């Protein structure tokens, strides 16, 4: 069972390949994703890495959290589950009447 890691404070030049190569130094990376703005395509400065082994994921957290990447200290920790989305523009409960 693997762990999904949150990687924050990424430099805007970071790519999925950059994340993959960095985290694969310490273990097997199942996937690496840099979150981008859908309008501009520019990185939002954070991403997620899925590691296939829990021990390797914990090692990545301890080694990379606070490590400098292009002048920015990375923030690496275990990802929290995404909160369910509610309402929003054009959505919501349509059973009002």
PDB file of N, CA and C in Angstrom:
ATOM      1  N   UNK A   1       0.843  -1.186   0.000  1.00  0.00           N
ATOM      2  CA  UNK A   1       0.000   0.000   0.000  1.00  0.00           C
ATOM      3  C   UNK A   1       0.880   1.237   0.000  1.00  0.00           C
ATOM      4  N   UNK A   2       0.648   2.156  -0.891  1.00  0.00           N
ATOM      5  CA  UNK A   2       1.462   3.351  -1.003  1.00  0.00           C
ATOM      6  C   UNK A   2       0.817   4.553  -0.353  1.00  0.00           C
ATOM      7  N   UNK A   3       1.545   5.635  -0.376  1.00  0.00           N
ATOM      8  CA  UNK A   3       1.058   6.886   0.189  1.00  0.00           C
ATOM      9  C   UNK A   3       1.098   7.976  -0.864  1.00  0.00           C
ATOM     10  N   UNK A   4       0.136   8.884  -0.746  1.00  0.00           N
ATOM     11  CA  UNK A   4       0.114  10.063  -1.606  1.00  0.00           C
ATOM     12  C   UNK A   4       0.689  11.217  -0.798  1.00  0.00           C
ATOM     13  N   UNK A   5       1.666  11.900  -1.380  1.00  0.00           N
ATOM     14  CA  UNK A   5       2.332  12.992  -0.710  1.00  0.00           C
ATOM     15  C   UNK A   5       1.958  14.320  -1.343  1.00  0.00           C
ATOM     16  N   UNK A   6       1.758  15.319  -0.500  1.00  0.00           N
ATOM     17  CA  UNK A   6       1.550  16.692  -0.949  1.00  0.00           C
ATOM     18  C   UNK A   6       2.925  17.344  -1.008  1.00  0.00           C
ATOM     19  N   UNK A   7       3.225  18.014  -2.108  1.00  0.00           N
ATOM     20  CA  UNK A   7       4.491  18.722  -2.262  1.00  0.00           C
ATOM     21  C   UNK A   7       4.156  20.182  -2.548  1.00  0.00           C
ATOM     22  N   UNK A   8       4.415  21.046  -1.572  1.00  0.00           N
ATOM     23  CA  UNK A   8       4.066  22.455  -1.701  1.00  0.00           C
ATOM     24  C   UNK A   8       5.296  23.344  -1.831  1.00  0.00           C
ATOM     25  N   UNK A   9       5.051  24.596  -2.169  1.00  0.00           N
ATOM     26  CA  UNK A   9       6.078  25.613  -2.347  1.00  0.00           C
ATOM     27  C   UNK A   9       7.056  25.247  -3.465  1.00  0.00           C
ATOM     28  N   UNK A  10       6.517  24.600  -4.503  1.00  0.00           N
ATOM     29  CA  UNK A  10       7.339  24.246  -5.661  1.00  0.00           C
ATOM     30  C   UNK A  10       7.696  25.500  -6.449  1.00  0.00           C
ATOM     31  N   UNK A  11       8.881  25.533  -7.049  1.00  0.00           N
ATOM     32  CA  UNK A  11       9.171  26.630  -7.972  1.00  0.00           C
ATOM     33  C   UNK A  11       8.236  26.507  -9.181  1.00  0.00           C
ATOM     34  N   UNK A  12       7.873  27.615  -9.769  1.00  0.00           N
ATOM     35  CA  UNK A  12       6.920  27.578 -10.875  1.00  0.00           C
ATOM     36  C   UNK A  12       7.484  26.890 -12.110  1.00  0.00           C
ATOM     37  N   UNK A  13       8.793  26.670 -12.140  1.00  0.00           N
ATOM     38  CA  UNK A  13       9.411  25.968 -13.260  1.00  0.00           C
ATOM     39  C   UNK A  13       9.355  24.450 -13.098  1.00  0.00           C
ATOM     40  N   UNK A  14       8.906  23.959 -11.941  1.00  0.00           N
ATOM     41  CA  UNK A  14       8.874  22.509 -11.683  1.00  0.00           C
ATOM     42  C   UNK A  14       7.892  21.812 -12.624  1.00  0.00           C
ATOM     43  N   UNK A  15       8.285  20.632 -13.078  1.00  0.00           N
ATOM     44  CA  UNK A  15       7.428  19.824 -13.945  1.00  0.00           C
ATOM     45  C   UNK A  15       7.190  18.469 -13.288  1.00  0.00           C
ATOM     46  N   UNK A  16       6.309  17.699 -13.888  1.00  0.00           N
ATOM     47  CA  UNK A  16       6.054  16.354 -13.373  1.00  0.00           C
ATOM     48  C   UNK A  16       7.303  15.490 -13.479  1.00  0.00           C
ATOM     49  N   UNK A  17       8.092  15.704 -14.527  1.00  0.00           N
ATOM     50  CA  UNK A  17       9.338  14.956 -14.695  1.00  0.00           C
ATOM     51  C   UNK A  17      10.333  15.317 -13.585  1.00  0.00           C
ATOM     52  N   UNK A  18      10.384  16.608 -13.232  1.00  0.00           N
ATOM     53  CA  UNK A  18      11.267  17.058 -12.152  1.00  0.00           C
ATOM     54  C   UNK A  18      10.889  16.367 -10.841  1.00  0.00           C
ATOM     55  N   UNK A  19       9.596  16.378 -10.518  1.00  0.00           N
ATOM     56  CA  UNK A  19       9.123  15.728  -9.290  1.00  0.00           C
ATOM     57  C   UNK A  19       9.433  14.239  -9.307  1.00  0.00           C
ATOM     58  N   UNK A  20       9.138  13.601 -10.427  1.00  0.00           N
ATOM     59  CA  UNK A  20       9.356  12.161 -10.546  1.00  0.00           C
ATOM     60  C   UNK A  20      10.822  11.814 -10.313  1.00  0.00           C
ATOM     61  N   UNK A  21      11.722  12.537 -10.949  1.00  0.00           N
ATOM     62  CA  UNK A  21      13.142  12.209 -10.808  1.00  0.00           C
ATOM     63  C   UNK A  21      13.641  12.486  -9.395  1.00  0.00           C
ATOM     64  N   UNK A  22      13.172  13.554  -8.773  1.00  0.00           N
ATOM     65  CA  UNK A  22      13.608  13.890  -7.416  1.00  0.00           C
ATOM     66  C   UNK A  22      13.165  12.819  -6.419  1.00  0.00           C
ATOM     67  N   UNK A  23      11.895  12.435  -6.462  1.00  0.00           N
ATOM     68  CA  UNK A  23      11.369  11.491  -5.484  1.00  0.00           C
ATOM     69  C   UNK A  23      11.786  10.050  -5.782  1.00  0.00           C
ATOM     70  N   UNK A  24      12.106   9.747  -7.033  1.00  0.00           N
ATOM     71  CA  UNK A  24      12.558   8.394  -7.354  1.00  0.00           C
ATOM     72  C   UNK A  24      13.967   8.126  -6.834  1.00  0.00           C
ATOM     73  N   UNK A  25      14.657   9.173  -6.363  1.00  0.00           N
ATOM     74  CA  UNK A  25      15.954   8.974  -5.714  1.00  0.00           C
ATOM     75  C   UNK A  25      15.815   8.088  -4.478  1.00  0.00           C
ATOM     76  N   UNK A  26      14.638   8.151  -3.831  1.00  0.00           N
ATOM     77  CA  UNK A  26      14.437   7.428  -2.574  1.00  0.00           C
ATOM     78  C   UNK A  26      13.461   6.261  -2.673  1.00  0.00           C
ATOM     79  N   UNK A  27      12.894   6.021  -3.844  1.00  0.00           N
ATOM     80  CA  UNK A  27      11.953   4.908  -3.963  1.00  0.00           C
ATOM     81  C   UNK A  27      11.209   4.915  -5.276  1.00  0.00           C
ATOM     82  N   UNK A  28      10.224   4.046  -5.359  1.00  0.00           N
ATOM     83  CA  UNK A  28       9.429   3.888  -6.567  1.00  0.00           C
ATOM     84  C   UNK A  28       8.271   4.869  -6.569  1.00  0.00           C
ATOM     85  N   UNK A  29       8.226   5.711  -7.606  1.00  0.00           N
ATOM     86  CA  UNK A  29       7.160   6.691  -7.756  1.00  0.00           C
ATOM     87  C   UNK A  29       6.099   6.103  -8.685  1.00  0.00           C
ATOM     88  N   UNK A  30       4.857   6.029  -8.187  1.00  0.00           N
ATOM     89  CA  UNK A  30       3.752   5.551  -9.027  1.00  0.00           C
ATOM     90  C   UNK A  30       3.264   6.653  -9.950  1.00  0.00           C
ATOM     91  N   UNK A  31       3.180   7.876  -9.423  1.00  0.00           N
ATOM     92  CA  UNK A  31       2.768   9.007 -10.254  1.00  0.00           C
ATOM     93  C   UNK A  31       3.237  10.309  -9.620  1.00  0.00           C
ATOM     94  N   UNK A  32       3.398  11.314 -10.460  1.00  0.00           N
ATOM     95  CA  UNK A  32       3.770  12.655 -10.014  1.00  0.00           C
ATOM     96  C   UNK A  32       2.930  13.639 -10.811  1.00  0.00           C
ATOM     97  N   UNK A  33       2.313  14.592 -10.115  1.00  0.00           N
ATOM     98  CA  UNK A  33       1.416  15.537 -10.778  1.00  0.00           C
ATOM     99  C   UNK A  33       1.658  16.932 -10.229  1.00  0.00           C
ATOM    100  N   UNK A  34       1.949  17.874 -11.116  1.00  0.00           N
ATOM    101  CA  UNK A  34       2.047  19.282 -10.753  1.00  0.00           C
ATOM    102  C   UNK A  34       0.702  19.908 -11.110  1.00  0.00           C
ATOM    103  N   UNK A  35       0.092  20.587 -10.157  1.00  0.00           N
ATOM    104  CA  UNK A  35      -1.215  21.195 -10.382  1.00  0.00           C
ATOM    105  C   UNK A  35      -1.023  22.522 -11.105  1.00  0.00           C
ATOM    106  N   UNK A  36      -1.766  22.692 -12.196  1.00  0.00           N
ATOM    107  CA  UNK A  36      -1.638  23.889 -13.017  1.00  0.00           C
ATOM    108  C   UNK A  36      -2.957  24.651 -13.094  1.00  0.00           C
ATOM    109  N   UNK A  37      -2.847  25.928 -13.372  1.00  0.00           N
ATOM    110  CA  UNK A  37      -4.020  26.764 -13.583  1.00  0.00           C
ATOM    111  C   UNK A  37      -4.645  26.369 -14.916  1.00  0.00           C
ATOM    112  N   UNK A  38      -5.933  26.133 -14.925  1.00  0.00           N
ATOM    113  CA  UNK A  38      -6.549  25.637 -16.168  1.00  0.00           C
ATOM    114  C   UNK A  38      -6.608  26.698 -17.264  1.00  0.00           C
ATOM    115  N   UNK A  39      -6.596  27.976 -16.895  1.00  0.00           N
ATOM    116  CA  UNK A  39      -6.660  29.034 -17.899  1.00  0.00           C
ATOM    117  C   UNK A  39      -5.290  29.345 -18.500  1.00  0.00           C
ATOM    118  N   UNK A  40      -4.259  29.434 -17.642  1.00  0.00           N
ATOM    119  CA  UNK A  40      -2.934  29.845 -18.122  1.00  0.00           C
ATOM    120  C   UNK A  40      -1.996  28.665 -18.353  1.00  0.00           C
ATOM    121  N   UNK A  41      -2.278  27.528 -17.720  1.00  0.00           N
ATOM    122  CA  UNK A  41      -1.397  26.375 -17.832  1.00  0.00           C
ATOM    123  C   UNK A  41      -0.164  26.485 -16.944  1.00  0.00           C
ATOM    124  N   UNK A  42      -0.065  27.570 -16.183  1.00  0.00           N
ATOM    125  CA  UNK A  42       1.081  27.802 -15.300  1.00  0.00           C
ATOM    126  C   UNK A  42       0.903  27.012 -13.997  1.00  0.00           C
ATOM    127  N   UNK A  43       2.011  26.544 -13.455  1.00  0.00           N
ATOM    128  CA  UNK A  43       1.992  25.801 -12.200  1.00  0.00           C
ATOM    129  C   UNK A  43       1.404  26.656 -11.086  1.00  0.00           C
ATOM    130  N   UNK A  44       0.633  26.021 -10.195  1.00  0.00           N
ATOM    131  CA  UNK A  44       0.098  26.723  -9.026  1.00  0.00           C
ATOM    132  C   UNK A  44       1.060  26.638  -7.847  1.00  0.00           C
ATOM    133  N   UNK A  45       2.186  25.956  -8.028  1.00  0.00           N
ATOM    134  CA  UNK A  45       3.193  25.898  -6.980  1.00  0.00           C
ATOM    135  C   UNK A  45       3.065  24.723  -6.033  1.00  0.00           C
ATOM    136  N   UNK A  46       2.222  23.754  -6.396  1.00  0.00           N
ATOM    137  CA  UNK A  46       2.136  22.541  -5.581  1.00  0.00           C
ATOM    138  C   UNK A  46       1.795  21.356  -6.458  1.00  0.00           C
ATOM    139  N   UNK A  47       1.965  20.179  -5.893  1.00  0.00           N
ATOM    140  CA  UNK A  47       1.674  18.956  -6.634  1.00  0.00           C
ATOM    141  C   UNK A  47       1.545  17.768  -5.705  1.00  0.00           C
ATOM    142  N   UNK A  48       1.420  16.602  -6.292  1.00  0.00           N
ATOM    143  CA  UNK A  48       1.255  15.364  -5.538  1.00  0.00           C
ATOM    144  C   UNK A  48       2.146  14.286  -6.120  1.00  0.00           C
ATOM    145  N   UNK A  49       2.697  13.467  -5.238  1.00  0.00           N
ATOM    146  CA  UNK A  49       3.517  12.332  -5.646  1.00  0.00           C
ATOM    147  C   UNK A  49       2.959  11.104  -4.940  1.00  0.00           C
ATOM    148  N   UNK A  50       2.704  10.047  -5.702  1.00  0.00           N
ATOM    149  CA  UNK A  50       2.262   8.785  -5.108  1.00  0.00           C
ATOM    150  C   UNK A  50       3.435   7.825  -5.091  1.00  0.00           C
ATOM    151  N   UNK A  51       3.766   7.364  -3.898  1.00  0.00           N
ATOM    152  CA  UNK A  51       4.861   6.408  -3.714  1.00  0.00           C
ATOM    153  C   UNK A  51       4.236   5.032  -3.509  1.00  0.00           C
ATOM    154  N   UNK A  52       4.913   3.986  -3.999  1.00  0.00           N
ATOM    155  CA  UNK A  52       4.334   2.654  -3.899  1.00  0.00           C
ATOM    156  C   UNK A  52       4.590   1.992  -2.548  1.00  0.00           C
ATOM    157  N   UNK A  53       5.490   2.566  -1.746  1.00  0.00           N
ATOM    158  CA  UNK A  53       5.835   1.944  -0.477  1.00  0.00           C
ATOM    159  C   UNK A  53       5.731   2.992   0.635  1.00  0.00           C
ATOM    160  N   UNK A  54       5.061   2.641   1.733  1.00  0.00           N
ATOM    161  CA  UNK A  54       4.875   3.577   2.842  1.00  0.00           C
ATOM    162  C   UNK A  54       6.197   4.024   3.457  1.00  0.00           C
ATOM    163  N   UNK A  55       7.134   3.097   3.625  1.00  0.00           N
ATOM    164  CA  UNK A  55       8.421   3.446   4.228  1.00  0.00           C
ATOM    165  C   UNK A  55       9.203   4.414   3.352  1.00  0.00           C
ATOM    166  N   UNK A  56       9.157   4.204   2.038  1.00  0.00           N
ATOM    167  CA  UNK A  56       9.829   5.119   1.113  1.00  0.00           C
ATOM    168  C   UNK A  56       9.172   6.500   1.167  1.00  0.00           C
ATOM    169  N   UNK A  57       7.853   6.530   1.290  1.00  0.00           N
ATOM    170  CA  UNK A  57       7.135   7.798   1.374  1.00  0.00           C
ATOM    171  C   UNK A  57       7.545   8.552   2.635  1.00  0.00           C
ATOM    172  N   UNK A  58       7.637   7.870   3.761  1.00  0.00           N
ATOM    173  CA  UNK A  58       8.048   8.513   5.007  1.00  0.00           C
ATOM    174  C   UNK A  58       9.483   9.027   4.915  1.00  0.00           C
ATOM    175  N   UNK A  59      10.334   8.281   4.222  1.00  0.00           N
ATOM    176  CA  UNK A  59      11.714   8.716   4.025  1.00  0.00           C
ATOM    177  C   UNK A  59      11.753   9.985   3.165  1.00  0.00           C
ATOM    178  N   UNK A  60      10.905  10.047   2.145  1.00  0.00           N
ATOM    179  CA  UNK A  60      10.829  11.245   1.293  1.00  0.00           C
ATOM    180  C   UNK A  60      10.376  12.452   2.105  1.00  0.00           C
ATOM    181  N   UNK A  61       9.402  12.254   2.988  1.00  0.00           N
ATOM    182  CA  UNK A  61       8.921  13.353   3.822  1.00  0.00           C
ATOM    183  C   UNK A  61      10.060  13.882   4.683  1.00  0.00           C
ATOM    184  N   UNK A  62      10.779  12.966   5.352  1.00  0.00           N
ATOM    185  CA  UNK A  62      11.840  13.414   6.257  1.00  0.00           C
ATOM    186  C   UNK A  62      13.014  14.041   5.502  1.00  0.00           C
ATOM    187  N   UNK A  63      13.314  13.569   4.294  1.00  0.00           N
ATOM    188  CA  UNK A  63      14.466  14.107   3.557  1.00  0.00           C
ATOM    189  C   UNK A  63      14.136  15.393   2.803  1.00  0.00           C
ATOM    190  N   UNK A  64      12.971  15.446   2.160  1.00  0.00           N
ATOM    191  CA  UNK A  64      12.679  16.563   1.261  1.00  0.00           C
ATOM    192  C   UNK A  64      11.920  17.717   1.901  1.00  0.00           C
ATOM    193  N   UNK A  65      11.253  17.513   3.046  1.00  0.00           N
ATOM    194  CA  UNK A  65      10.531  18.613   3.677  1.00  0.00           C
ATOM    195  C   UNK A  65      11.544  19.659   4.154  1.00  0.00           C
ATOM    196  N   UNK A  66      11.422  20.862   3.631  1.00  0.00           N
ATOM    197  CA  UNK A  66      12.338  21.941   3.978  1.00  0.00           C
ATOM    198  C   UNK A  66      13.554  22.042   3.070  1.00  0.00           C
ATOM    199  N   UNK A  67      13.756  21.060   2.194  1.00  0.00           N
ATOM    200  CA  UNK A  67      14.903  21.094   1.285  1.00  0.00           C
ATOM    201  C   UNK A  67      14.713  22.188   0.236  1.00  0.00           C
ATOM    202  N   UNK A  68      15.816  22.851  -0.091  1.00  0.00           N
ATOM    203  CA  UNK A  68      15.779  23.935  -1.050  1.00  0.00           C
ATOM    204  C   UNK A  68      15.666  23.388  -2.484  1.00  0.00           C
ATOM    205  N   UNK A  69      14.722  23.953  -3.234  1.00  0.00           N
ATOM    206  CA  UNK A  69      14.580  23.626  -4.657  1.00  0.00           C
ATOM    207  C   UNK A  69      14.443  24.947  -5.395  1.00  0.00           C
ATOM    208  N   UNK A  70      15.505  25.340  -6.092  1.00  0.00           N
ATOM    209  CA  UNK A  70      15.552  26.606  -6.826  1.00  0.00           C
ATOM    210  C   UNK A  70      15.210  27.802  -5.928  1.00  0.00           C
ATOM    211  N   UNK A  71      15.763  27.801  -4.714  1.00  0.00           N
ATOM    212  CA  UNK A  71      15.579  28.918  -3.807  1.00  0.00           C
ATOM    213  C   UNK A  71      14.313  28.889  -2.974  1.00  0.00           C
ATOM    214  N   UNK A  72      13.541  27.807  -3.089  1.00  0.00           N
ATOM    215  CA  UNK A  72      12.298  27.702  -2.315  1.00  0.00           C
ATOM    216  C   UNK A  72      12.342  26.459  -1.440  1.00  0.00           C
ATOM    217  N   UNK A  73      12.018  26.594  -0.146  1.00  0.00           N
ATOM    218  CA  UNK A  73      11.997  25.416   0.729  1.00  0.00           C
ATOM    219  C   UNK A  73      10.732  24.587   0.478  1.00  0.00           C
ATOM    220  N   UNK A  74      10.912  23.340   0.063  1.00  0.00           N
ATOM    221  CA  UNK A  74       9.768  22.471  -0.217  1.00  0.00           C
ATOM    222  C   UNK A  74       8.995  22.162   1.057  1.00  0.00           C
ATOM    223  N   UNK A  75       7.714  21.941   0.910  1.00  0.00           N
ATOM    224  CA  UNK A  75       6.860  21.448   1.986  1.00  0.00           C
ATOM    225  C   UNK A  75       6.340  20.093   1.525  1.00  0.00           C
ATOM    226  N   UNK A  76       6.727  19.050   2.238  1.00  0.00           N
ATOM    227  CA  UNK A  76       6.323  17.694   1.865  1.00  0.00           C
ATOM    228  C   UNK A  76       5.674  17.037   3.069  1.00  0.00           C
ATOM    229  N   UNK A  77       4.453  16.571   2.885  1.00  0.00           N
ATOM    230  CA  UNK A  77       3.771  15.809   3.927  1.00  0.00           C
ATOM    231  C   UNK A  77       2.738  14.888   3.301  1.00  0.00           C
ATOM    232  N   UNK A  78       2.150  14.057   4.129  1.00  0.00           N
ATOM    233  CA  UNK A  78       1.144  13.125   3.624  1.00  0.00           C
ATOM    234  C   UNK A  78      -0.084  13.918   3.188  1.00  0.00           C
ATOM    235  N   UNK A  79      -0.584  13.605   2.002  1.00  0.00           N
ATOM    236  CA  UNK A  79      -1.745  14.321   1.463  1.00  0.00           C
ATOM    237  C   UNK A  79      -2.991  13.963   2.254  1.00  0.00           C
ATOM    238  N   UNK A  80      -3.823  14.961   2.476  1.00  0.00           N
ATOM    239  CA  UNK A  80      -5.100  14.738   3.147  1.00  0.00           C
ATOM    240  C   UNK A  80      -6.137  14.405   2.080  1.00  0.00           C
ATOM    241  N   UNK A  81      -7.151  13.623   2.431  1.00  0.00           N
ATOM    242  CA  UNK A  81      -8.196  13.327   1.436  1.00  0.00           C
ATOM    243  C   UNK A  81      -8.896  14.610   0.994  1.00  0.00           C
ATOM    244  N   UNK A  82      -9.256  14.652  -0.278  1.00  0.00           N
ATOM    245  CA  UNK A  82      -9.922  15.833  -0.815  1.00  0.00           C
ATOM    246  C   UNK A  82     -11.303  15.959  -0.197  1.00  0.00           C
ATOM    247  N   UNK A  83     -11.646  17.152   0.246  1.00  0.00           N
ATOM    248  CA  UNK A  83     -12.962  17.401   0.839  1.00  0.00           C
ATOM    249  C   UNK A  83     -14.024  17.352  -0.253  1.00  0.00           C
ATOM    250  N   UNK A  84     -15.187  16.816   0.057  1.00  0.00           N
ATOM    251  CA  UNK A  84     -16.249  16.789  -0.956  1.00  0.00           C
ATOM    252  C   UNK A  84     -16.683  18.205  -1.315  1.00  0.00           C
ATOM    253  N   UNK A  85     -16.948  18.415  -2.582  1.00  0.00           N
ATOM    254  CA  UNK A  85     -17.379  19.736  -3.037  1.00  0.00           C
ATOM    255  C   UNK A  85     -18.871  19.883  -2.813  1.00  0.00           C
ATOM    256  N   UNK A  86     -19.266  21.094  -2.410  1.00  0.00           N
ATOM    257  CA  UNK A  86     -20.687  21.349  -2.186  1.00  0.00           C
ATOM    258  C   UNK A  86     -21.079  22.630  -2.895  1.00  0.00           C
ATOM    259  N   UNK A  87     -22.281  22.650  -3.407  1.00  0.00           N
ATOM    260  CA  UNK A  87     -22.817  23.871  -4.000  1.00  0.00           C
ATOM    261  C   UNK A  87     -21.970  24.417  -5.105  1.00  0.00           C
ATOM    262  N   UNK A  88     -21.725  25.707  -5.039  1.00  0.00           N
ATOM    263  CA  UNK A  88     -20.927  26.359  -6.059  1.00  0.00           C
ATOM    264  C   UNK A  88     -21.793  27.062  -7.077  1.00  0.00           C
ATOM    265  N   UNK A  89     -21.163  27.730  -7.976  1.00  0.00           N
ATOM    266  CA  UNK A  89     -21.877  28.482  -8.999  1.00  0.00           C
ATOM    267  C   UNK A  89     -22.610  27.531  -9.936  1.00  0.00           C
ATOM    268  N   UNK A  90     -23.895  27.722 -10.086  1.00  0.00           N
ATOM    269  CA  UNK A  90     -24.688  26.922 -11.003  1.00  0.00           C
ATOM    270  C   UNK A  90     -25.044  25.550 -10.469  1.00  0.00           C
ATOM    271  N   UNK A  91     -24.617  25.243  -9.282  1.00  0.00           N
ATOM    272  CA  UNK A  91     -24.913  23.919  -8.711  1.00  0.00           C
ATOM    273  C   UNK A  91     -25.855  24.060  -7.547  1.00  0.00           C
ATOM    274  N   UNK A  92     -25.746  23.120  -6.661  1.00  0.00           N
ATOM    275  CA  UNK A  92     -26.552  23.197  -5.450  1.00  0.00           C
ATOM    276  C   UNK A  92     -27.772  22.317  -5.534  1.00  0.00           C
ATOM    277  N   UNK A  93     -28.614  22.474  -4.561  1.00  0.00           N
ATOM    278  CA  UNK A  93     -29.809  21.650  -4.448  1.00  0.00           C
ATOM    279  C   UNK A  93     -30.906  22.175  -5.371  1.00  0.00           C
ATOM    280  N   UNK A  94     -31.357  21.332  -6.265  1.00  0.00           N
ATOM    281  CA  UNK A  94     -32.397  21.745  -7.189  1.00  0.00           C
ATOM    282  C   UNK A  94     -33.800  21.326  -6.710  1.00  0.00           C
ATOM    283  N   UNK A  95     -33.871  20.674  -5.583  1.00  0.00           N
ATOM    284  CA  UNK A  95     -35.159  20.227  -5.037  1.00  0.00           C
ATOM    285  C   UNK A  95     -35.659  21.223  -3.998  1.00  0.00           C
ATOM    286  N   UNK A  96     -35.793  22.460  -4.405  1.00  0.00           N
ATOM    287  CA  UNK A  96     -36.173  23.503  -3.448  1.00  0.00           C
ATOM    288  C   UNK A  96     -37.674  23.564  -3.207  1.00  0.00           C
ATOM    289  N   UNK A  97     -38.470  23.162  -4.148  1.00  0.00           N
ATOM    290  CA  UNK A  97     -39.915  23.359  -4.018  1.00  0.00           C
ATOM    291  C   UNK A  97     -40.634  22.061  -3.822  1.00  0.00           C
TER     292      UNK A  97
END
